N, C-alpha and C. Protein backbone atom coordinates (compact mmCIF):
# COMPACT_ATOMS: atom_id res chain seq x y z
N MET A 1 -24.33 -35.46 40.94
CA MET A 1 -24.81 -34.79 40.02
C MET A 1 -23.82 -33.58 40.12
N PRO A 2 -22.85 -33.34 38.89
CA PRO A 2 -22.16 -32.06 38.90
C PRO A 2 -22.68 -31.00 39.00
N GLY A 3 -21.92 -29.90 39.59
CA GLY A 3 -22.34 -28.49 39.89
C GLY A 3 -21.13 -27.51 39.95
N LEU A 4 -21.59 -26.30 39.57
CA LEU A 4 -20.17 -25.14 39.44
C LEU A 4 -20.86 -24.05 40.39
N LEU A 5 -19.90 -23.78 41.40
CA LEU A 5 -20.25 -22.41 41.87
C LEU A 5 -19.10 -21.36 41.69
N ILE A 6 -19.48 -20.30 41.03
CA ILE A 6 -17.97 -19.50 40.79
C ILE A 6 -18.35 -18.28 41.76
N LEU A 7 -17.47 -17.96 42.67
CA LEU A 7 -17.50 -16.75 43.72
C LEU A 7 -16.73 -15.81 43.25
N TYR A 8 -17.37 -14.43 43.35
CA TYR A 8 -16.99 -13.39 42.89
C TYR A 8 -16.78 -12.26 43.99
N GLY A 9 -15.75 -11.53 44.02
CA GLY A 9 -15.50 -10.54 45.06
C GLY A 9 -14.04 -10.52 45.46
N LEU A 10 -13.97 -8.96 46.01
CA LEU A 10 -12.48 -8.70 46.08
C LEU A 10 -12.09 -9.06 47.46
N PRO A 11 -10.73 -9.07 47.65
CA PRO A 11 -10.02 -9.35 48.73
C PRO A 11 -11.07 -9.13 50.20
N GLY A 12 -11.12 -9.95 51.10
CA GLY A 12 -11.86 -9.63 52.30
C GLY A 12 -13.46 -9.67 52.25
N SER A 13 -13.77 -10.11 51.18
CA SER A 13 -15.56 -10.29 51.01
C SER A 13 -15.98 -11.22 51.21
N GLY A 14 -15.34 -12.36 51.80
CA GLY A 14 -15.71 -13.57 52.56
C GLY A 14 -16.01 -14.61 51.47
N LYS A 15 -15.32 -14.70 50.45
CA LYS A 15 -15.47 -15.54 49.42
C LYS A 15 -14.96 -16.98 49.79
N SER A 16 -13.86 -17.21 50.49
CA SER A 16 -13.07 -18.22 50.87
C SER A 16 -14.19 -19.08 52.10
N PHE A 17 -14.29 -18.40 53.02
CA PHE A 17 -15.04 -18.73 54.13
C PHE A 17 -16.59 -19.14 53.59
N PHE A 18 -17.62 -18.42 52.79
CA PHE A 18 -18.64 -18.83 52.24
C PHE A 18 -18.43 -20.39 51.24
N GLY A 19 -17.37 -20.09 50.48
CA GLY A 19 -16.97 -21.39 49.86
C GLY A 19 -16.99 -22.55 50.64
N GLU A 20 -16.13 -22.44 51.78
CA GLU A 20 -15.93 -23.56 52.52
C GLU A 20 -17.33 -24.15 53.32
N LEU A 21 -17.89 -23.19 53.62
CA LEU A 21 -19.44 -23.51 54.31
C LEU A 21 -20.31 -24.51 52.90
N VAL A 22 -20.15 -23.67 51.62
CA VAL A 22 -20.63 -24.65 50.82
C VAL A 22 -20.22 -25.89 50.42
N ALA A 23 -19.06 -26.08 50.49
CA ALA A 23 -18.32 -26.98 50.09
C ALA A 23 -18.57 -28.08 51.20
N GLU A 24 -18.70 -27.84 52.50
CA GLU A 24 -18.70 -28.80 53.58
C GLU A 24 -20.26 -29.38 53.32
N ARG A 25 -21.07 -28.68 53.09
CA ARG A 25 -22.32 -29.02 53.24
C ARG A 25 -22.76 -29.82 51.53
N CYS A 26 -22.03 -29.37 50.67
CA CYS A 26 -22.59 -29.97 49.27
C CYS A 26 -21.26 -31.14 48.73
N ARG A 27 -20.45 -31.35 49.86
CA ARG A 27 -19.41 -32.29 49.74
C ARG A 27 -18.55 -31.85 48.15
N ALA A 28 -18.47 -30.43 48.06
CA ALA A 28 -17.64 -30.17 46.93
C ALA A 28 -16.17 -30.05 47.12
N VAL A 29 -15.41 -29.65 46.03
CA VAL A 29 -14.06 -29.53 46.06
C VAL A 29 -13.92 -28.19 45.94
N ILE A 30 -13.00 -27.25 46.40
CA ILE A 30 -12.79 -26.06 46.36
C ILE A 30 -11.45 -25.85 45.48
N LEU A 31 -11.70 -25.25 44.34
CA LEU A 31 -10.38 -24.72 43.76
C LEU A 31 -10.09 -23.15 43.79
N ASN A 32 -8.93 -22.80 44.99
CA ASN A 32 -8.66 -21.74 45.34
C ASN A 32 -7.52 -21.20 44.72
N SER A 33 -7.69 -19.97 43.68
CA SER A 33 -6.65 -19.35 42.91
C SER A 33 -5.40 -19.03 43.89
N ASP A 34 -5.75 -18.32 45.37
CA ASP A 34 -4.71 -17.95 46.10
C ASP A 34 -3.79 -19.36 46.40
N HIS A 35 -4.37 -20.40 46.96
CA HIS A 35 -3.57 -21.49 47.17
C HIS A 35 -2.88 -22.06 46.06
N LEU A 36 -3.36 -22.38 44.87
CA LEU A 36 -2.52 -22.64 43.98
C LEU A 36 -1.48 -21.73 43.51
N ARG A 37 -1.82 -20.58 43.33
CA ARG A 37 -0.82 -19.43 43.17
C ARG A 37 0.40 -19.68 44.18
N ARG A 38 0.31 -19.74 45.29
CA ARG A 38 1.25 -20.06 46.20
C ARG A 38 2.16 -21.31 46.19
N ALA A 39 1.45 -22.30 45.67
CA ALA A 39 1.94 -23.58 45.36
C ALA A 39 3.19 -23.54 44.19
N ILE A 40 2.38 -22.86 43.33
CA ILE A 40 3.20 -22.85 41.83
C ILE A 40 4.41 -22.12 42.04
N VAL A 41 4.28 -20.68 42.68
CA VAL A 41 5.56 -19.88 42.84
C VAL A 41 6.12 -19.84 44.03
N ASN A 42 5.91 -21.39 44.71
CA ASN A 42 6.86 -21.29 45.96
C ASN A 42 6.62 -20.05 46.93
N GLY A 43 5.38 -19.57 46.86
CA GLY A 43 5.38 -18.36 47.95
C GLY A 43 5.58 -16.97 47.33
N ASN A 44 6.11 -16.86 46.35
CA ASN A 44 6.76 -15.57 45.72
C ASN A 44 5.73 -15.19 44.55
N PRO A 45 4.68 -14.92 44.82
CA PRO A 45 3.85 -14.42 43.59
C PRO A 45 4.24 -13.00 43.08
N ARG A 46 3.91 -12.84 41.60
CA ARG A 46 4.37 -11.51 40.83
C ARG A 46 2.97 -10.96 40.44
N TYR A 47 1.73 -11.92 40.14
CA TYR A 47 0.52 -11.40 39.88
C TYR A 47 0.79 -10.78 38.34
N ASP A 48 1.77 -11.51 37.52
CA ASP A 48 1.78 -10.65 36.19
C ASP A 48 1.01 -11.59 35.11
N GLY A 49 0.88 -11.14 34.06
CA GLY A 49 0.15 -11.64 32.83
C GLY A 49 0.29 -13.63 32.70
N LEU A 50 1.66 -13.62 32.59
CA LEU A 50 2.23 -14.91 32.45
C LEU A 50 1.87 -16.00 33.69
N GLU A 51 2.02 -15.30 35.04
CA GLU A 51 1.51 -16.44 35.97
C GLU A 51 0.24 -16.38 36.20
N ASN A 52 -0.80 -15.14 36.00
CA ASN A 52 -2.22 -15.41 35.95
C ASN A 52 -2.38 -16.43 35.01
N LYS A 53 -2.07 -16.42 33.80
CA LYS A 53 -2.55 -17.35 32.82
C LYS A 53 -2.23 -18.76 33.31
N ARG A 54 -1.05 -19.01 33.66
CA ARG A 54 -0.76 -20.18 34.44
C ARG A 54 -1.70 -20.79 35.36
N VAL A 55 -2.01 -19.96 36.56
CA VAL A 55 -2.81 -20.39 37.40
C VAL A 55 -4.28 -20.78 37.16
N PHE A 56 -4.71 -19.63 36.23
CA PHE A 56 -6.04 -20.00 35.70
C PHE A 56 -6.13 -21.15 34.69
N ASP A 57 -5.16 -21.44 33.93
CA ASP A 57 -5.13 -22.69 32.92
C ASP A 57 -5.42 -23.93 33.71
N VAL A 58 -4.47 -24.10 34.78
CA VAL A 58 -4.51 -25.06 35.87
C VAL A 58 -5.96 -25.29 36.41
N LEU A 59 -6.40 -24.06 37.02
CA LEU A 59 -7.75 -24.48 37.59
C LEU A 59 -8.85 -24.70 36.48
N ASN A 60 -8.73 -23.99 35.47
CA ASN A 60 -9.73 -24.60 34.55
C ASN A 60 -9.76 -25.86 34.09
N ARG A 61 -8.61 -26.53 34.13
CA ARG A 61 -8.31 -28.06 33.53
C ARG A 61 -8.87 -28.97 34.73
N ARG A 62 -8.55 -28.39 35.92
CA ARG A 62 -9.21 -29.24 37.05
C ARG A 62 -10.63 -29.15 37.15
N ALA A 63 -11.16 -28.03 37.00
CA ALA A 63 -12.71 -27.88 37.35
C ALA A 63 -13.02 -28.71 36.01
N GLU A 64 -12.42 -28.91 34.83
CA GLU A 64 -13.29 -29.87 33.86
C GLU A 64 -13.36 -31.19 34.45
N GLU A 65 -12.08 -31.52 34.79
CA GLU A 65 -11.97 -33.00 35.29
C GLU A 65 -12.78 -33.47 36.28
N LEU A 66 -12.98 -32.28 37.34
CA LEU A 66 -13.85 -32.60 38.62
C LEU A 66 -15.46 -32.77 38.27
N LEU A 67 -15.64 -31.78 37.30
CA LEU A 67 -16.98 -31.71 36.71
C LEU A 67 -17.45 -32.97 35.91
N ASP A 68 -16.53 -33.42 35.03
CA ASP A 68 -16.51 -34.86 34.19
C ASP A 68 -16.84 -35.93 35.21
N ARG A 69 -16.33 -35.92 36.20
CA ARG A 69 -16.53 -36.98 37.28
C ARG A 69 -17.78 -36.72 38.13
N GLY A 70 -18.55 -35.95 37.86
CA GLY A 70 -19.72 -35.77 38.59
C GLY A 70 -19.57 -35.04 39.91
N GLN A 71 -18.55 -34.28 40.23
CA GLN A 71 -18.22 -33.69 41.39
C GLN A 71 -18.94 -32.19 41.48
N VAL A 72 -19.27 -31.61 42.61
CA VAL A 72 -19.82 -30.32 42.78
C VAL A 72 -18.19 -29.56 42.98
N VAL A 73 -18.11 -28.20 42.20
CA VAL A 73 -17.02 -27.50 42.15
C VAL A 73 -17.14 -26.08 42.89
N VAL A 74 -16.47 -25.67 44.01
CA VAL A 74 -16.68 -24.29 44.22
C VAL A 74 -15.20 -23.73 43.67
N PHE A 75 -15.48 -22.56 42.81
CA PHE A 75 -14.37 -21.94 42.27
C PHE A 75 -14.11 -20.69 42.94
N ASP A 76 -13.08 -20.48 43.71
CA ASP A 76 -12.80 -19.44 44.81
C ASP A 76 -11.61 -18.77 44.12
N SER A 77 -11.99 -17.47 43.84
CA SER A 77 -11.27 -16.52 42.87
C SER A 77 -11.95 -15.32 42.99
N SER A 78 -11.07 -14.13 42.84
CA SER A 78 -11.94 -12.83 42.95
C SER A 78 -12.67 -12.64 41.61
N ALA A 79 -12.06 -13.53 40.25
CA ALA A 79 -13.01 -13.58 39.22
C ALA A 79 -13.23 -12.05 38.75
N LEU A 80 -12.07 -11.43 38.95
CA LEU A 80 -11.85 -9.74 38.85
C LEU A 80 -12.29 -9.61 37.41
N ARG A 81 -11.84 -10.25 36.57
CA ARG A 81 -12.12 -9.77 34.91
C ARG A 81 -12.75 -10.84 33.92
N ASP A 82 -13.43 -10.45 33.25
CA ASP A 82 -13.93 -11.39 31.99
C ASP A 82 -13.10 -12.55 31.70
N TRP A 83 -11.69 -12.18 31.53
CA TRP A 83 -10.99 -13.39 30.73
C TRP A 83 -10.93 -14.64 31.83
N ILE A 84 -11.18 -14.32 33.19
CA ILE A 84 -11.30 -15.44 34.16
C ILE A 84 -12.53 -15.77 34.36
N ARG A 85 -13.56 -14.92 34.02
CA ARG A 85 -14.96 -15.55 34.17
C ARG A 85 -15.28 -16.51 32.89
N GLY A 86 -14.74 -15.98 31.81
CA GLY A 86 -15.33 -16.52 30.55
C GLY A 86 -15.21 -18.24 30.09
N PRO A 87 -13.81 -18.56 30.56
CA PRO A 87 -13.71 -19.91 30.32
C PRO A 87 -14.62 -20.83 31.17
N LEU A 88 -14.75 -20.39 32.41
CA LEU A 88 -15.59 -21.04 33.44
C LEU A 88 -17.02 -21.22 32.58
N GLU A 89 -17.65 -20.05 32.13
CA GLU A 89 -18.87 -20.25 31.61
C GLU A 89 -18.93 -21.08 30.37
N THR A 90 -17.85 -21.14 29.85
CA THR A 90 -17.58 -22.41 28.72
C THR A 90 -17.66 -23.67 29.28
N ILE A 91 -16.64 -23.92 30.07
CA ILE A 91 -16.71 -25.18 30.79
C ILE A 91 -18.05 -25.67 31.23
N ALA A 92 -18.61 -24.86 31.74
CA ALA A 92 -19.84 -25.25 32.37
C ALA A 92 -21.05 -25.38 31.19
N SER A 93 -20.94 -24.54 30.20
CA SER A 93 -22.14 -24.62 29.00
C SER A 93 -21.66 -25.98 28.25
N GLY A 94 -20.73 -26.27 28.24
CA GLY A 94 -20.07 -27.52 27.49
C GLY A 94 -20.72 -28.82 28.06
N ARG A 95 -20.86 -28.50 29.26
CA ARG A 95 -21.45 -29.99 29.88
C ARG A 95 -22.70 -29.65 30.32
N GLY A 96 -23.53 -28.83 29.80
CA GLY A 96 -25.05 -28.59 29.82
C GLY A 96 -25.15 -28.29 31.52
N LEU A 97 -24.19 -27.42 31.92
CA LEU A 97 -24.54 -26.82 33.17
C LEU A 97 -24.76 -25.41 33.29
N SER A 98 -25.62 -25.00 34.30
CA SER A 98 -25.65 -23.54 34.53
C SER A 98 -25.10 -23.18 35.81
N PRO A 99 -23.94 -22.69 35.59
CA PRO A 99 -23.03 -22.32 37.10
C PRO A 99 -24.06 -21.32 38.05
N VAL A 100 -24.07 -21.57 39.27
CA VAL A 100 -24.20 -20.71 40.22
C VAL A 100 -23.40 -19.67 40.65
N ARG A 101 -23.69 -18.48 40.13
CA ARG A 101 -22.83 -17.27 40.47
C ARG A 101 -23.02 -16.66 41.74
N VAL A 102 -22.18 -16.35 42.59
CA VAL A 102 -22.28 -15.49 43.43
C VAL A 102 -21.37 -14.15 43.78
N HIS A 103 -21.74 -13.14 43.85
CA HIS A 103 -20.98 -11.76 44.33
C HIS A 103 -20.94 -11.63 45.55
N LEU A 104 -20.13 -11.73 46.60
CA LEU A 104 -20.15 -11.40 47.72
C LEU A 104 -19.74 -10.14 47.82
N ASP A 105 -20.08 -9.01 48.40
CA ASP A 105 -20.06 -7.85 48.21
C ASP A 105 -20.74 -7.38 49.67
N PRO A 106 -20.17 -7.29 50.54
CA PRO A 106 -20.31 -6.75 52.03
C PRO A 106 -19.95 -5.36 51.99
N PRO A 107 -20.34 -4.61 53.12
CA PRO A 107 -19.84 -3.02 52.96
C PRO A 107 -18.46 -2.93 53.25
N GLU A 108 -17.78 -1.90 52.71
CA GLU A 108 -16.40 -1.72 52.98
C GLU A 108 -15.90 -1.89 54.23
N GLU A 109 -16.83 -1.28 55.20
CA GLU A 109 -16.35 -1.48 56.37
C GLU A 109 -16.03 -2.49 57.16
N VAL A 110 -16.69 -3.62 56.76
CA VAL A 110 -16.66 -5.27 56.95
C VAL A 110 -15.28 -5.72 56.27
N ILE A 111 -15.13 -5.37 54.89
CA ILE A 111 -14.03 -5.78 54.32
C ILE A 111 -12.93 -5.19 54.67
N PHE A 112 -12.96 -4.05 55.11
CA PHE A 112 -11.52 -3.33 55.71
C PHE A 112 -11.46 -3.97 57.27
N THR A 113 -12.12 -4.13 57.97
CA THR A 113 -11.85 -4.99 59.42
C THR A 113 -11.35 -6.17 58.81
N ARG A 114 -11.93 -6.95 58.07
CA ARG A 114 -11.39 -8.31 57.70
C ARG A 114 -9.84 -8.20 57.41
N LEU A 115 -9.91 -7.34 56.51
CA LEU A 115 -8.19 -7.41 55.89
C LEU A 115 -7.13 -6.98 56.92
N LEU A 116 -7.88 -5.85 57.77
CA LEU A 116 -6.78 -5.25 58.88
C LEU A 116 -6.45 -6.34 59.71
N ASN A 117 -7.44 -7.67 60.11
CA ASN A 117 -7.17 -8.72 60.84
C ASN A 117 -6.41 -9.72 60.32
N ARG A 118 -6.28 -9.80 59.18
CA ARG A 118 -5.79 -11.09 58.20
C ARG A 118 -4.30 -11.03 58.34
N GLN A 119 -3.83 -12.31 58.83
CA GLN A 119 -2.51 -12.58 58.77
C GLN A 119 -2.25 -13.84 57.87
N PRO A 120 -1.26 -14.05 57.61
CA PRO A 120 0.09 -13.14 57.23
C PRO A 120 -0.29 -12.20 56.11
N GLY A 121 0.13 -11.23 55.99
CA GLY A 121 0.15 -10.14 54.86
C GLY A 121 0.85 -10.72 53.48
N PRO A 122 0.59 -9.98 52.59
CA PRO A 122 1.21 -10.18 51.28
C PRO A 122 2.80 -9.86 51.63
N ASP A 123 3.64 -10.14 50.30
CA ASP A 123 4.87 -10.16 50.46
C ASP A 123 5.35 -8.64 50.08
N PRO A 124 6.06 -8.31 51.04
CA PRO A 124 6.47 -6.67 50.57
C PRO A 124 7.27 -6.59 49.53
N ALA A 125 8.01 -7.82 48.85
CA ALA A 125 8.89 -7.72 47.93
C ALA A 125 8.18 -7.57 46.80
N ASN A 126 6.92 -7.71 46.88
CA ASN A 126 6.21 -7.48 45.68
C ASN A 126 5.43 -6.00 45.29
N ALA A 127 5.95 -5.05 46.36
CA ALA A 127 5.54 -3.55 46.32
C ALA A 127 4.07 -4.03 47.13
N VAL A 128 3.58 -4.85 47.67
CA VAL A 128 2.43 -5.05 48.11
C VAL A 128 2.47 -5.54 49.75
N LYS A 129 2.21 -4.16 50.36
CA LYS A 129 2.61 -4.40 51.95
C LYS A 129 1.48 -4.84 52.90
N THR A 130 0.27 -4.77 52.66
CA THR A 130 -0.92 -5.18 53.48
C THR A 130 -1.92 -5.69 52.48
N TRP A 131 -2.99 -6.45 53.13
CA TRP A 131 -4.07 -6.84 52.20
C TRP A 131 -5.02 -5.56 51.93
N LEU A 132 -4.99 -4.30 52.78
CA LEU A 132 -5.57 -3.29 51.83
C LEU A 132 -4.91 -2.74 50.71
N ASP A 133 -3.74 -2.93 50.64
CA ASP A 133 -2.86 -2.71 49.21
C ASP A 133 -3.36 -3.59 48.38
N VAL A 134 -3.68 -4.69 48.58
CA VAL A 134 -4.17 -5.60 47.49
C VAL A 134 -5.58 -5.05 47.13
N TYR A 135 -6.44 -4.82 48.07
CA TYR A 135 -7.59 -4.16 48.00
C TYR A 135 -7.39 -2.98 46.96
N ASP A 136 -6.91 -1.93 47.20
CA ASP A 136 -7.03 -1.00 46.52
C ASP A 136 -6.01 -1.13 45.18
N TRP A 137 -5.35 -1.88 45.10
CA TRP A 137 -4.62 -2.48 43.47
C TRP A 137 -5.96 -3.01 42.91
N MET A 138 -6.70 -4.06 43.49
CA MET A 138 -7.79 -4.57 42.57
C MET A 138 -9.00 -4.06 42.28
N GLN A 139 -9.46 -3.28 43.36
CA GLN A 139 -10.69 -2.70 43.06
C GLN A 139 -11.08 -1.83 41.93
N PRO A 140 -10.24 -0.96 41.35
CA PRO A 140 -10.48 -0.02 40.24
C PRO A 140 -10.60 -1.11 38.84
N GLY A 141 -9.82 -2.13 38.85
CA GLY A 141 -9.71 -3.34 37.98
C GLY A 141 -11.30 -4.28 37.75
N TRP A 142 -12.19 -3.93 38.67
CA TRP A 142 -13.30 -4.98 38.71
C TRP A 142 -14.08 -4.51 37.49
N GLN A 143 -14.58 -5.63 36.45
CA GLN A 143 -15.62 -5.76 35.72
C GLN A 143 -16.73 -6.20 35.95
N PRO A 144 -17.88 -5.48 35.67
CA PRO A 144 -19.16 -5.76 36.28
C PRO A 144 -19.24 -7.23 35.93
N ILE A 145 -20.08 -8.05 36.71
CA ILE A 145 -20.83 -9.35 36.32
C ILE A 145 -21.90 -8.96 35.54
N LEU A 146 -22.05 -9.51 34.23
CA LEU A 146 -23.19 -9.30 33.33
C LEU A 146 -24.23 -10.51 33.30
N GLU A 147 -23.47 -11.56 33.75
CA GLU A 147 -24.39 -12.90 33.80
C GLU A 147 -25.56 -12.66 34.85
N PRO A 148 -26.43 -13.67 34.96
CA PRO A 148 -27.35 -13.33 36.16
C PRO A 148 -26.57 -14.21 37.45
N HIS A 149 -26.45 -13.47 38.54
CA HIS A 149 -25.84 -13.88 39.51
C HIS A 149 -26.67 -13.54 41.13
N ARG A 150 -26.31 -13.99 42.06
CA ARG A 150 -26.68 -13.56 43.47
C ARG A 150 -25.96 -12.42 44.10
N ARG A 151 -26.16 -11.50 44.52
CA ARG A 151 -25.31 -10.46 45.25
C ARG A 151 -25.40 -10.63 46.54
N LEU A 152 -24.52 -11.04 47.31
CA LEU A 152 -24.49 -11.30 48.90
C LEU A 152 -24.07 -10.15 49.65
N ASP A 153 -24.69 -9.37 50.21
CA ASP A 153 -24.00 -7.95 50.77
C ASP A 153 -24.52 -7.68 52.26
N ASP A 154 -25.14 -8.88 53.14
CA ASP A 154 -25.36 -8.70 54.05
C ASP A 154 -24.73 -9.92 55.05
N PRO A 155 -23.61 -9.71 55.73
CA PRO A 155 -22.87 -10.81 56.57
C PRO A 155 -24.07 -11.41 57.27
N GLU A 156 -24.97 -11.15 57.75
CA GLU A 156 -25.80 -11.40 58.91
C GLU A 156 -26.77 -12.56 58.37
N ALA A 157 -26.84 -12.50 56.86
CA ALA A 157 -27.78 -13.46 56.52
C ALA A 157 -26.83 -14.68 55.72
N LEU A 158 -25.85 -15.18 56.39
CA LEU A 158 -24.88 -15.79 55.77
C LEU A 158 -25.42 -17.44 55.69
N GLN A 159 -25.95 -17.82 57.01
CA GLN A 159 -26.51 -19.10 56.51
C GLN A 159 -27.64 -19.30 55.72
N ALA A 160 -28.44 -18.46 55.72
CA ALA A 160 -29.70 -18.36 54.64
C ALA A 160 -29.16 -18.35 53.25
N ASP A 161 -27.93 -17.50 52.99
CA ASP A 161 -27.25 -17.47 51.73
C ASP A 161 -26.74 -18.89 51.21
N VAL A 162 -26.14 -19.54 52.50
CA VAL A 162 -25.28 -20.70 52.38
C VAL A 162 -26.83 -21.75 51.74
N GLU A 163 -27.64 -21.84 52.43
CA GLU A 163 -28.43 -22.66 52.03
C GLU A 163 -29.32 -22.59 50.90
N ALA A 164 -29.54 -21.11 50.29
CA ALA A 164 -30.07 -20.75 49.02
C ALA A 164 -29.04 -21.40 47.75
N VAL A 165 -27.72 -21.22 47.97
CA VAL A 165 -26.77 -21.75 47.30
C VAL A 165 -26.65 -22.81 46.93
N CYS A 166 -26.83 -23.69 48.22
CA CYS A 166 -26.71 -25.23 47.98
C CYS A 166 -27.95 -25.54 47.44
N ARG A 167 -29.20 -25.09 47.66
CA ARG A 167 -30.46 -25.50 47.00
C ARG A 167 -30.13 -25.13 45.46
N ALA A 168 -29.52 -23.98 44.97
CA ALA A 168 -29.48 -23.73 43.63
C ALA A 168 -28.35 -24.75 42.91
N LEU A 169 -27.46 -25.11 43.82
CA LEU A 169 -26.44 -26.19 43.10
C LEU A 169 -27.01 -27.53 43.14
N CYS A 170 -27.92 -27.95 43.83
CA CYS A 170 -28.18 -29.51 44.23
C CYS A 170 -29.62 -29.65 43.97
N GLY A 171 -30.46 -28.55 43.93
CA GLY A 171 -31.84 -28.60 44.10
C GLY A 171 -32.63 -28.78 45.06
N ASP A 172 -33.69 -29.42 45.43
CA ASP A 172 -34.38 -29.40 46.98
C ASP A 172 -33.57 -30.05 48.14
N THR A 173 -32.73 -30.89 47.56
CA THR A 173 -31.75 -31.52 48.78
C THR A 173 -30.62 -30.25 49.30
N GLY A 174 -30.28 -29.61 48.41
CA GLY A 174 -29.61 -28.60 49.17
C GLY A 174 -28.17 -29.33 49.50
N CYS A 175 -27.91 -30.25 48.99
CA CYS A 175 -26.78 -30.95 48.89
C CYS A 175 -26.21 -31.50 50.14
N THR A 176 -27.46 -31.91 51.07
CA THR A 176 -26.98 -32.22 52.14
C THR A 176 -27.41 -33.73 51.87
N ALA A 177 -28.08 -34.50 51.01
CA ALA A 177 -28.29 -35.71 50.97
C ALA A 177 -27.24 -36.65 50.44
């Protein structure tokens, strides 16, 4: 049975780690915007409008293909703006699916610790010198999530949150069957 998990959150919020845990349990495919971006631009991202459009057009097409094959999909991106989230909503509704939306929003001190320990850092040629610079650049542009969603803000509740999201994606089986 297909399912779509859309992860929201700023860098360091734990989206990729959370997505990996859900994907393992639900046998889901992860679509990660950072991984695709690096592949498309040979490791030299610009994060400009044309590059962003290209990355998300590819990710959205891939999500459609996977959902049409009955796959559970984890969409791992900051989903910072409505223009990223809107097409995913359309993709889901066109297939009769209600996406599971999760906003990972731990305390800033948790995020800052993660970002300071993250290696390797962004490319200084892009005027982005650290992961904290990326966070500071993205944070003011965050558009609130208006659709119903789960907000996860307690890193200590990780396993319970994974279980709850898996049940939301796959019903009572929690994707383990």
